N, C-alpha and C. Protein backbone atom coordinates (compact mmCIF):
# COMPACT_ATOMS: atom_id res chain seq x y z
N MET A 1 -15.26 -27.46 154.79
CA MET A 1 -15.17 -28.43 154.18
C MET A 1 -14.80 -28.93 152.48
N LYS A 2 -15.76 -28.30 152.06
CA LYS A 2 -15.93 -28.48 150.58
C LYS A 2 -14.23 -28.12 150.18
N ILE A 3 -13.85 -27.01 150.69
CA ILE A 3 -12.75 -26.25 150.10
C ILE A 3 -11.64 -27.52 150.31
N LYS A 4 -11.43 -28.01 151.33
CA LYS A 4 -10.25 -28.97 152.14
C LYS A 4 -10.29 -30.13 150.60
N ALA A 5 -11.84 -30.64 150.53
CA ALA A 5 -11.93 -31.51 149.29
C ALA A 5 -11.23 -31.46 148.38
N TRP A 6 -11.49 -29.88 147.96
CA TRP A 6 -11.09 -29.38 146.55
C TRP A 6 -9.64 -29.41 146.17
N THR A 7 -9.03 -29.00 147.56
CA THR A 7 -7.48 -28.88 147.60
C THR A 7 -7.02 -30.02 147.45
N LEU A 8 -7.43 -31.23 148.37
CA LEU A 8 -7.28 -32.45 148.47
C LEU A 8 -7.29 -33.06 147.14
N LEU A 9 -8.19 -32.67 145.97
CA LEU A 9 -8.33 -33.43 144.71
C LEU A 9 -7.25 -32.53 144.04
N LEU A 10 -7.31 -31.38 144.16
CA LEU A 10 -6.22 -30.63 143.18
C LEU A 10 -4.92 -31.24 143.40
N LEU A 11 -4.56 -31.10 144.70
CA LEU A 11 -3.09 -31.93 145.18
C LEU A 11 -2.96 -33.61 144.41
N CYS A 12 -3.94 -34.17 144.59
CA CYS A 12 -3.59 -35.26 144.11
C CYS A 12 -3.60 -35.68 142.61
N ILE A 13 -4.04 -34.34 141.71
CA ILE A 13 -4.32 -34.53 140.23
C ILE A 13 -2.63 -34.01 140.00
N ILE A 14 -2.14 -32.71 140.44
CA ILE A 14 -0.69 -32.36 140.42
C ILE A 14 -0.02 -33.75 140.67
N THR A 15 -0.21 -34.62 141.93
CA THR A 15 0.93 -35.21 142.07
C THR A 15 0.84 -36.53 141.17
N LEU A 16 -0.34 -36.97 140.61
CA LEU A 16 -0.61 -37.82 139.40
C LEU A 16 0.21 -37.61 138.24
N THR A 17 -0.03 -36.13 137.86
CA THR A 17 0.79 -35.57 136.71
C THR A 17 2.37 -35.64 136.86
N ALA A 18 2.41 -35.26 138.07
CA ALA A 18 4.31 -35.49 137.96
C ALA A 18 4.84 -36.55 137.91
N ILE A 19 4.10 -37.68 138.41
CA ILE A 19 4.50 -39.18 138.44
C ILE A 19 4.25 -39.33 136.80
N ALA A 20 3.47 -39.52 136.09
CA ALA A 20 2.93 -39.58 135.10
C ALA A 20 4.08 -38.75 133.65
N HIS A 21 4.62 -37.53 134.24
CA HIS A 21 5.36 -37.02 133.05
C HIS A 21 7.00 -36.50 134.08
N PRO A 22 7.57 -37.67 133.91
CA PRO A 22 9.10 -37.17 134.82
C PRO A 22 9.43 -35.88 134.10
N PHE A 23 10.73 -35.40 135.00
CA PHE A 23 11.50 -34.38 134.20
C PHE A 23 12.99 -35.08 134.33
N TYR A 24 13.49 -34.63 133.12
CA TYR A 24 14.70 -35.02 132.77
C TYR A 24 15.66 -33.85 133.04
N VAL A 25 16.43 -34.09 133.59
CA VAL A 25 17.45 -32.68 134.27
C VAL A 25 18.96 -33.14 134.45
N SER A 26 20.05 -32.90 134.16
CA SER A 26 21.54 -32.77 134.63
C SER A 26 21.83 -31.88 135.07
N ILE A 27 23.28 -31.98 136.11
CA ILE A 27 24.17 -30.48 136.60
C ILE A 27 25.03 -30.76 136.35
N SER A 28 25.83 -30.17 135.89
CA SER A 28 27.19 -29.67 135.54
C SER A 28 27.74 -29.23 136.02
N THR A 29 29.15 -28.87 136.58
CA THR A 29 29.78 -27.71 137.25
C THR A 29 31.41 -27.80 136.49
N VAL A 30 31.38 -26.78 135.96
CA VAL A 30 32.77 -26.27 135.81
C VAL A 30 33.78 -25.43 136.57
N GLU A 31 34.50 -25.92 137.07
CA GLU A 31 35.79 -25.03 137.65
C GLU A 31 37.25 -24.78 137.77
N TYR A 32 37.75 -23.45 137.33
CA TYR A 32 39.11 -23.67 137.37
C TYR A 32 39.76 -23.66 138.82
N ASN A 33 40.86 -24.91 138.82
CA ASN A 33 41.52 -24.95 140.03
C ASN A 33 42.79 -24.17 139.69
N SER A 34 42.83 -23.09 140.17
CA SER A 34 44.47 -22.53 140.49
C SER A 34 45.34 -23.12 140.54
N SER A 35 45.25 -23.72 141.76
CA SER A 35 46.63 -24.42 142.47
C SER A 35 46.82 -25.37 141.24
N ASN A 36 46.06 -26.14 140.97
CA ASN A 36 46.64 -27.26 140.15
C ASN A 36 46.74 -26.84 138.89
N LYS A 37 46.20 -25.90 138.35
CA LYS A 37 46.00 -25.42 136.73
C LYS A 37 45.46 -26.19 136.05
N GLN A 38 44.17 -26.77 136.05
CA GLN A 38 43.34 -27.36 135.48
C GLN A 38 41.67 -27.00 135.92
N ILE A 39 41.07 -27.11 134.47
CA ILE A 39 40.00 -27.22 134.48
C ILE A 39 39.08 -28.41 135.10
N GLU A 40 38.28 -28.35 136.04
CA GLU A 40 37.55 -29.56 136.39
C GLU A 40 36.42 -29.61 136.71
N LEU A 41 35.46 -30.92 135.90
CA LEU A 41 34.13 -30.94 135.72
C LEU A 41 33.65 -32.09 136.07
N SER A 42 32.46 -31.81 136.67
CA SER A 42 31.32 -32.65 137.08
C SER A 42 30.25 -33.05 136.90
N CYS A 43 29.50 -33.65 136.28
CA CYS A 43 28.53 -34.05 135.88
C CYS A 43 27.61 -34.96 136.58
N ARG A 44 26.61 -34.38 136.74
CA ARG A 44 25.50 -35.34 137.62
C ARG A 44 24.11 -35.63 136.79
N ILE A 45 24.00 -36.74 136.77
CA ILE A 45 23.19 -37.54 136.03
C ILE A 45 22.45 -38.37 136.43
N PHE A 46 21.01 -38.74 136.26
CA PHE A 46 20.32 -39.94 136.76
C PHE A 46 20.87 -40.84 136.28
N TYR A 47 21.23 -42.20 136.71
CA TYR A 47 22.07 -42.96 136.26
C TYR A 47 21.25 -43.85 135.42
N ASN A 48 20.10 -43.77 135.54
CA ASN A 48 18.83 -44.66 134.36
C ASN A 48 19.11 -44.08 133.18
N ASP A 49 18.78 -42.70 133.36
CA ASP A 49 19.05 -42.04 132.21
C ASP A 49 20.30 -42.30 131.21
N LEU A 50 21.70 -42.30 132.30
CA LEU A 50 22.98 -42.24 131.54
C LEU A 50 23.09 -44.14 130.83
N GLU A 51 22.35 -44.84 131.90
CA GLU A 51 22.17 -46.06 131.15
C GLU A 51 21.20 -46.27 129.58
N VAL A 52 20.27 -45.29 129.45
CA VAL A 52 19.50 -45.11 128.34
C VAL A 52 20.13 -44.79 127.53
N ALA A 53 21.26 -43.50 127.45
CA ALA A 53 21.92 -43.08 126.86
C ALA A 53 23.09 -43.64 126.12
N LEU A 54 23.62 -44.48 126.77
CA LEU A 54 24.62 -45.40 126.58
C LEU A 54 24.04 -46.73 125.92
N GLN A 55 23.07 -47.35 125.99
CA GLN A 55 22.54 -48.03 124.93
C GLN A 55 21.91 -47.49 123.85
N ASN A 56 21.69 -46.42 123.88
CA ASN A 56 21.17 -46.32 122.28
C ASN A 56 22.47 -45.13 121.52
N GLN A 57 23.36 -44.70 122.38
CA GLN A 57 23.71 -43.90 121.56
C GLN A 57 25.37 -44.63 121.14
N ILE A 58 25.91 -45.34 122.35
CA ILE A 58 27.15 -46.03 122.51
C ILE A 58 26.90 -47.63 122.14
N LYS A 59 25.59 -47.93 122.01
CA LYS A 59 25.12 -49.01 121.82
C LYS A 59 25.75 -50.07 122.84
N GLN A 60 26.04 -49.79 123.97
CA GLN A 60 26.51 -50.85 125.04
C GLN A 60 25.39 -50.87 126.01
N LYS A 61 25.33 -51.97 126.68
CA LYS A 61 23.80 -52.05 127.81
C LYS A 61 24.96 -52.07 128.86
N ILE A 62 24.87 -51.25 129.77
CA ILE A 62 25.98 -50.94 130.91
C ILE A 62 24.94 -50.69 131.99
N ASP A 63 25.61 -51.53 133.14
CA ASP A 63 24.80 -51.43 134.61
C ASP A 63 25.72 -50.56 135.10
N VAL A 64 25.65 -49.30 135.42
CA VAL A 64 26.38 -48.20 136.02
C VAL A 64 26.67 -48.49 137.39
N ILE A 65 25.70 -49.39 137.94
CA ILE A 65 25.66 -49.04 139.64
C ILE A 65 26.70 -50.89 139.67
N ASN A 66 26.58 -52.01 139.06
CA ASN A 66 27.19 -52.90 139.22
C ASN A 66 27.95 -53.35 137.64
N PRO A 67 28.70 -52.75 137.25
CA PRO A 67 29.12 -53.25 135.86
C PRO A 67 29.86 -54.52 135.96
N LYS A 68 29.40 -55.09 135.00
CA LYS A 68 30.08 -56.61 134.98
C LYS A 68 31.95 -56.61 134.72
N ASN A 69 32.38 -55.21 134.08
CA ASN A 69 33.55 -54.59 133.65
C ASN A 69 33.72 -53.13 134.12
N ARG A 70 33.97 -52.90 135.11
CA ARG A 70 34.41 -51.55 135.52
C ARG A 70 35.21 -50.89 134.10
N ALA A 71 36.20 -51.22 133.97
CA ALA A 71 36.79 -50.70 132.74
C ALA A 71 36.08 -50.15 131.45
N VAL A 72 35.17 -51.37 131.16
CA VAL A 72 34.37 -51.11 129.91
C VAL A 72 33.21 -49.80 130.47
N ALA A 73 32.36 -50.29 131.52
CA ALA A 73 31.87 -48.85 132.14
C ALA A 73 32.45 -47.52 131.73
N ASP A 74 33.71 -47.37 132.32
CA ASP A 74 34.29 -46.52 132.58
C ASP A 74 34.83 -45.67 131.34
N SER A 75 35.41 -46.51 130.11
CA SER A 75 35.40 -46.12 128.64
C SER A 75 34.13 -45.89 127.91
N ALA A 76 32.78 -46.51 128.10
CA ALA A 76 31.98 -46.33 127.86
C ALA A 76 31.21 -44.62 128.10
N ILE A 77 31.06 -44.43 129.60
CA ILE A 77 30.81 -43.39 129.96
C ILE A 77 32.02 -42.20 129.41
N ALA A 78 32.91 -42.16 129.28
CA ALA A 78 33.87 -41.04 128.93
C ALA A 78 33.71 -40.82 127.87
N ARG A 79 33.27 -42.03 126.67
CA ARG A 79 32.99 -41.74 125.42
C ARG A 79 31.85 -40.79 125.37
N TYR A 80 30.91 -41.11 125.92
CA TYR A 80 29.74 -40.28 125.91
C TYR A 80 29.61 -39.38 126.33
N VAL A 81 30.42 -39.22 127.84
CA VAL A 81 30.14 -37.35 128.12
C VAL A 81 31.06 -36.90 126.85
N ARG A 82 32.13 -37.24 126.99
CA ARG A 82 33.30 -36.56 125.95
C ARG A 82 32.80 -36.10 124.22
N THR A 83 31.85 -36.85 124.00
CA THR A 83 31.06 -36.85 122.88
C THR A 83 29.89 -35.70 123.16
N ASN A 84 29.04 -35.77 123.93
CA ASN A 84 28.38 -34.97 124.22
C ASN A 84 28.31 -33.37 125.09
N PHE A 85 29.84 -33.22 125.73
CA PHE A 85 29.88 -32.09 126.26
C PHE A 85 31.44 -31.54 126.06
N ARG A 86 31.53 -30.41 125.44
CA ARG A 86 32.54 -30.22 125.23
C ARG A 86 32.83 -28.70 125.65
N ILE A 87 34.13 -28.48 125.71
CA ILE A 87 34.61 -26.92 126.28
C ILE A 87 35.38 -26.55 125.74
N GLN A 88 35.88 -24.92 125.57
CA GLN A 88 36.54 -24.44 124.63
C GLN A 88 36.83 -23.09 126.02
N VAL A 89 38.21 -22.97 125.98
CA VAL A 89 38.68 -22.26 127.12
C VAL A 89 39.77 -21.21 126.25
N ASN A 90 39.12 -19.58 126.67
CA ASN A 90 39.97 -18.99 126.03
C ASN A 90 40.13 -18.97 124.39
N GLY A 91 38.97 -19.33 123.83
CA GLY A 91 39.08 -20.10 121.98
C GLY A 91 39.85 -21.04 122.01
N VAL A 92 39.90 -21.93 123.03
CA VAL A 92 41.18 -23.43 122.85
C VAL A 92 40.10 -24.39 122.87
N ILE A 93 39.81 -25.17 122.17
CA ILE A 93 39.20 -26.06 122.57
C ILE A 93 40.19 -27.27 123.68
N LYS A 94 39.27 -27.66 124.55
CA LYS A 94 40.13 -28.36 125.77
C LYS A 94 39.56 -29.98 125.73
N PRO A 95 40.70 -31.02 125.85
CA PRO A 95 40.60 -32.48 125.75
C PRO A 95 39.90 -32.71 127.02
N LEU A 96 39.45 -33.35 127.22
CA LEU A 96 38.88 -33.85 128.61
C LEU A 96 39.34 -35.03 128.98
N LYS A 97 40.00 -35.43 130.32
CA LYS A 97 40.34 -36.37 130.74
C LYS A 97 39.39 -37.15 131.74
N PHE A 98 38.97 -38.24 131.51
CA PHE A 98 37.87 -39.03 132.10
C PHE A 98 38.81 -39.26 133.50
N VAL A 99 38.35 -39.03 134.40
CA VAL A 99 38.94 -39.52 135.91
C VAL A 99 38.22 -40.46 136.48
N GLY A 100 37.14 -40.71 136.40
CA GLY A 100 36.04 -41.57 136.74
C GLY A 100 34.54 -41.29 137.07
N TYR A 101 33.66 -42.13 137.73
CA TYR A 101 32.55 -41.59 137.80
C TYR A 101 31.97 -42.63 139.66
N GLU A 102 30.99 -42.23 140.08
CA GLU A 102 30.85 -42.48 141.11
C GLU A 102 29.38 -42.52 141.12
N ILE A 103 28.54 -43.33 141.92
CA ILE A 103 27.09 -43.45 142.56
C ILE A 103 26.41 -43.11 143.69
N GLU A 104 25.88 -42.20 143.75
CA GLU A 104 25.29 -41.63 145.06
C GLU A 104 23.81 -41.06 144.83
N ASP A 105 23.29 -42.16 145.92
CA ASP A 105 21.71 -42.28 145.73
C ASP A 105 21.39 -42.92 144.41
N ASP A 106 20.45 -42.01 143.40
CA ASP A 106 20.15 -42.41 141.89
C ASP A 106 20.76 -41.61 141.15
N VAL A 107 21.96 -40.76 141.39
CA VAL A 107 22.78 -40.72 140.41
C VAL A 107 24.20 -40.48 140.40
N ALA A 108 24.86 -40.45 138.89
CA ALA A 108 26.00 -40.72 138.58
C ALA A 108 26.92 -39.42 138.24
N TRP A 109 27.78 -39.66 139.13
CA TRP A 109 28.68 -38.06 139.24
C TRP A 109 29.85 -38.82 138.40
N CYS A 110 29.76 -38.12 137.26
CA CYS A 110 31.04 -38.53 136.18
C CYS A 110 31.86 -37.03 136.34
N TYR A 111 33.38 -37.46 136.46
CA TYR A 111 34.31 -36.43 136.48
C TYR A 111 35.54 -36.37 135.71
N LEU A 112 35.28 -35.07 135.08
CA LEU A 112 36.61 -34.79 134.01
C LEU A 112 37.56 -33.53 134.57
N GLU A 113 38.85 -33.56 133.43
CA GLU A 113 39.68 -32.61 134.05
C GLU A 113 40.42 -32.24 132.39
N SER A 114 40.95 -31.00 132.91
CA SER A 114 41.50 -30.58 131.77
C SER A 114 42.89 -29.35 131.98
N PRO A 115 44.07 -29.71 131.58
CA PRO A 115 45.00 -28.69 132.07
C PRO A 115 44.42 -27.59 131.37
N GLN A 116 44.71 -26.04 132.13
CA GLN A 116 44.74 -24.92 132.05
C GLN A 116 45.84 -23.92 132.52
N LEU A 117 47.09 -23.80 131.70
CA LEU A 117 47.83 -23.06 132.65
C LEU A 117 47.95 -21.83 132.40
N GLN A 118 46.77 -21.33 131.32
CA GLN A 118 46.39 -19.44 131.63
C GLN A 118 45.28 -19.03 131.95
N PRO A 119 45.42 -17.89 132.77
CA PRO A 119 44.21 -17.38 133.54
C PRO A 119 42.84 -17.42 132.28
N VAL A 120 41.75 -18.23 132.74
CA VAL A 120 40.59 -18.19 132.16
C VAL A 120 39.81 -16.91 132.18
N THR A 121 39.51 -16.52 130.60
CA THR A 121 38.96 -15.24 130.60
C THR A 121 37.22 -15.63 129.90
N SER A 122 37.34 -16.24 129.39
CA SER A 122 36.29 -16.85 128.73
C SER A 122 36.17 -18.44 128.55
N ILE A 123 35.05 -19.26 128.28
CA ILE A 123 34.92 -20.51 128.37
C ILE A 123 32.91 -20.47 127.59
N LYS A 124 33.41 -21.17 126.50
CA LYS A 124 32.25 -21.70 125.50
C LYS A 124 31.91 -22.88 126.06
N ILE A 125 30.78 -23.62 125.92
CA ILE A 125 30.43 -25.08 126.43
C ILE A 125 29.38 -25.34 125.37
N ILE A 126 29.73 -26.64 125.00
CA ILE A 126 28.61 -27.10 124.22
C ILE A 126 27.90 -28.55 125.12
N ASN A 127 26.72 -28.49 125.36
CA ASN A 127 26.16 -29.21 126.31
C ASN A 127 24.84 -30.19 125.79
N GLN A 128 25.12 -31.48 125.30
CA GLN A 128 23.72 -32.05 125.00
C GLN A 128 23.80 -33.27 125.38
N LEU A 129 24.27 -33.26 127.00
CA LEU A 129 24.24 -34.91 127.54
C LEU A 129 22.27 -35.23 127.71
N LEU A 130 22.21 -36.35 126.91
CA LEU A 130 20.85 -36.93 126.95
C LEU A 130 19.87 -36.48 126.19
N TYR A 131 20.38 -35.50 125.56
CA TYR A 131 19.34 -34.54 124.29
C TYR A 131 18.93 -35.73 123.39
N GLN A 132 19.48 -36.59 122.89
CA GLN A 132 18.78 -37.52 121.68
C GLN A 132 18.00 -38.62 122.41
N ASP A 133 17.90 -38.67 124.17
CA ASP A 133 17.30 -39.65 124.33
C ASP A 133 15.87 -39.06 124.90
N PHE A 134 15.81 -37.86 125.37
CA PHE A 134 14.69 -37.43 126.17
C PHE A 134 14.84 -35.49 125.71
N LYS A 135 13.43 -35.61 124.98
CA LYS A 135 12.79 -34.43 124.08
C LYS A 135 12.84 -33.09 125.28
N THR A 136 12.49 -33.45 126.52
CA THR A 136 12.32 -32.65 127.51
C THR A 136 13.56 -32.16 128.36
N GLN A 137 14.59 -32.84 127.85
CA GLN A 137 16.09 -32.38 128.74
C GLN A 137 16.35 -31.18 128.91
N SER A 138 16.36 -31.15 130.29
CA SER A 138 17.30 -29.41 130.55
C SER A 138 18.82 -29.60 131.36
N ASN A 139 19.62 -28.77 131.12
CA ASN A 139 21.05 -29.37 131.20
C ASN A 139 21.46 -28.05 131.92
N ILE A 140 21.52 -27.72 133.21
CA ILE A 140 22.11 -26.92 134.26
C ILE A 140 23.21 -26.95 134.24
N MET A 141 23.78 -25.64 134.36
CA MET A 141 25.39 -25.51 134.32
C MET A 141 26.01 -24.73 135.26
N HIS A 142 26.74 -24.91 136.19
CA HIS A 142 27.39 -23.78 137.07
C HIS A 142 28.98 -23.82 136.61
N VAL A 143 29.29 -22.28 136.70
CA VAL A 143 30.73 -22.36 136.02
C VAL A 143 31.31 -21.08 136.78
N THR A 144 32.42 -21.81 137.36
CA THR A 144 33.17 -21.15 138.88
C THR A 144 34.51 -20.66 138.32
N ILE A 145 35.13 -19.29 138.52
CA ILE A 145 36.29 -19.06 137.68
C ILE A 145 36.88 -18.21 138.61
N ASN A 146 37.59 -18.42 139.57
CA ASN A 146 38.50 -17.24 140.81
C ASN A 146 37.36 -16.87 141.49
N GLY A 147 36.64 -17.70 141.77
CA GLY A 147 35.87 -17.61 142.73
C GLY A 147 34.29 -16.85 142.39
N LYS A 148 34.09 -16.32 141.02
CA LYS A 148 32.57 -16.06 140.66
C LYS A 148 31.72 -16.93 140.12
N ARG A 149 31.07 -17.05 140.27
CA ARG A 149 30.06 -18.31 139.61
C ARG A 149 29.16 -17.84 138.47
N GLN A 150 28.95 -18.44 137.77
CA GLN A 150 27.57 -17.91 136.45
C GLN A 150 27.05 -19.08 136.20
N SER A 151 25.61 -19.07 136.06
CA SER A 151 25.00 -19.94 136.11
C SER A 151 23.89 -20.17 134.57
N ILE A 152 23.51 -21.12 133.87
CA ILE A 152 22.86 -21.12 132.99
C ILE A 152 21.76 -22.64 133.10
N LYS A 153 20.65 -22.43 132.33
CA LYS A 153 20.11 -23.36 131.75
C LYS A 153 19.81 -23.63 130.65
N LEU A 154 20.05 -25.31 130.25
CA LEU A 154 19.89 -25.29 128.60
C LEU A 154 18.70 -26.18 128.35
N ASP A 155 17.64 -25.68 127.87
CA ASP A 155 16.67 -26.74 127.38
C ASP A 155 17.19 -27.11 125.99
N ASN A 156 16.95 -28.64 125.79
CA ASN A 156 16.80 -29.33 124.49
C ASN A 156 15.84 -28.26 123.76
N PRO A 157 16.68 -27.66 122.45
CA PRO A 157 17.61 -28.07 121.77
C PRO A 157 18.83 -27.48 122.03
N LYS A 158 18.51 -26.27 122.89
CA LYS A 158 19.93 -25.17 123.00
C LYS A 158 20.87 -26.12 123.42
N ARG A 159 21.92 -25.91 122.74
CA ARG A 159 23.32 -26.64 123.55
C ARG A 159 24.36 -26.29 123.81
N THR A 160 24.20 -24.56 123.41
CA THR A 160 25.67 -23.71 123.84
C THR A 160 25.27 -22.72 124.60
N ALA A 161 26.62 -22.39 125.57
CA ALA A 161 26.62 -21.27 126.32
C ALA A 161 27.59 -20.67 126.48
N GLU A 162 28.06 -19.60 126.59
CA GLU A 162 29.09 -18.93 126.52
C GLU A 162 29.14 -17.91 128.09
N PHE A 163 30.24 -18.13 128.57
CA PHE A 163 30.65 -17.56 129.80
C PHE A 163 32.02 -16.47 129.69
N SER A 164 31.68 -15.25 130.53
CA SER A 164 33.00 -14.39 130.62
C SER A 164 33.45 -13.73 131.85
N PHE A 165 34.58 -13.83 132.01
CA PHE A 165 34.91 -13.52 133.54
C PHE A 165 36.19 -12.56 133.23
C-alpha cells in the first residue's frame, strides 16, 4: 500500500512540474514536389506562441484564430516566418512565397512554397522560429526529397541544419 501512495505522489509531482514548465516546440516539414517542381514548407506552431512572437517581433497584436483583418494577419505571419525560417537549396537561397495558414486545434499550420526546377541534392535551413521569445524552444524539422526523409531537432540557440540527398 505504501508503494502505491509513493507512486501516486511521484506521479502528481511530475504532472505539476510539467504544468508549471511548459514545453516549446514547432515542427516544420520541407518536401520537394517533383511533379509541381517546387519546395513545399509547412510549419506547425502553437498559435498562442505565434501570437506572442508577432507581438514581440513584428510589433502587431494579432488574434490568429479570429483576425480582424485576414490580409493583415497573413502579411504579419508571412513576414515573421520568412524572417525566421530561411532555406538554401543546392547552394541557392530560395525566396519563400506565403500560401496561407489554418488553425487546427491549438496549432497554426503555416504554408509556404518556392519554385525548384533542378533536382535537389542539398538543403541548408536556418530555423529560429520562436527562439527570441522562448529560451527553451526546440524546432523539429523533417525534410523529404524523392521519398527519402531526414529529420533533426534544433534546440535554441542552434539554428542551422544541413541535409544531403
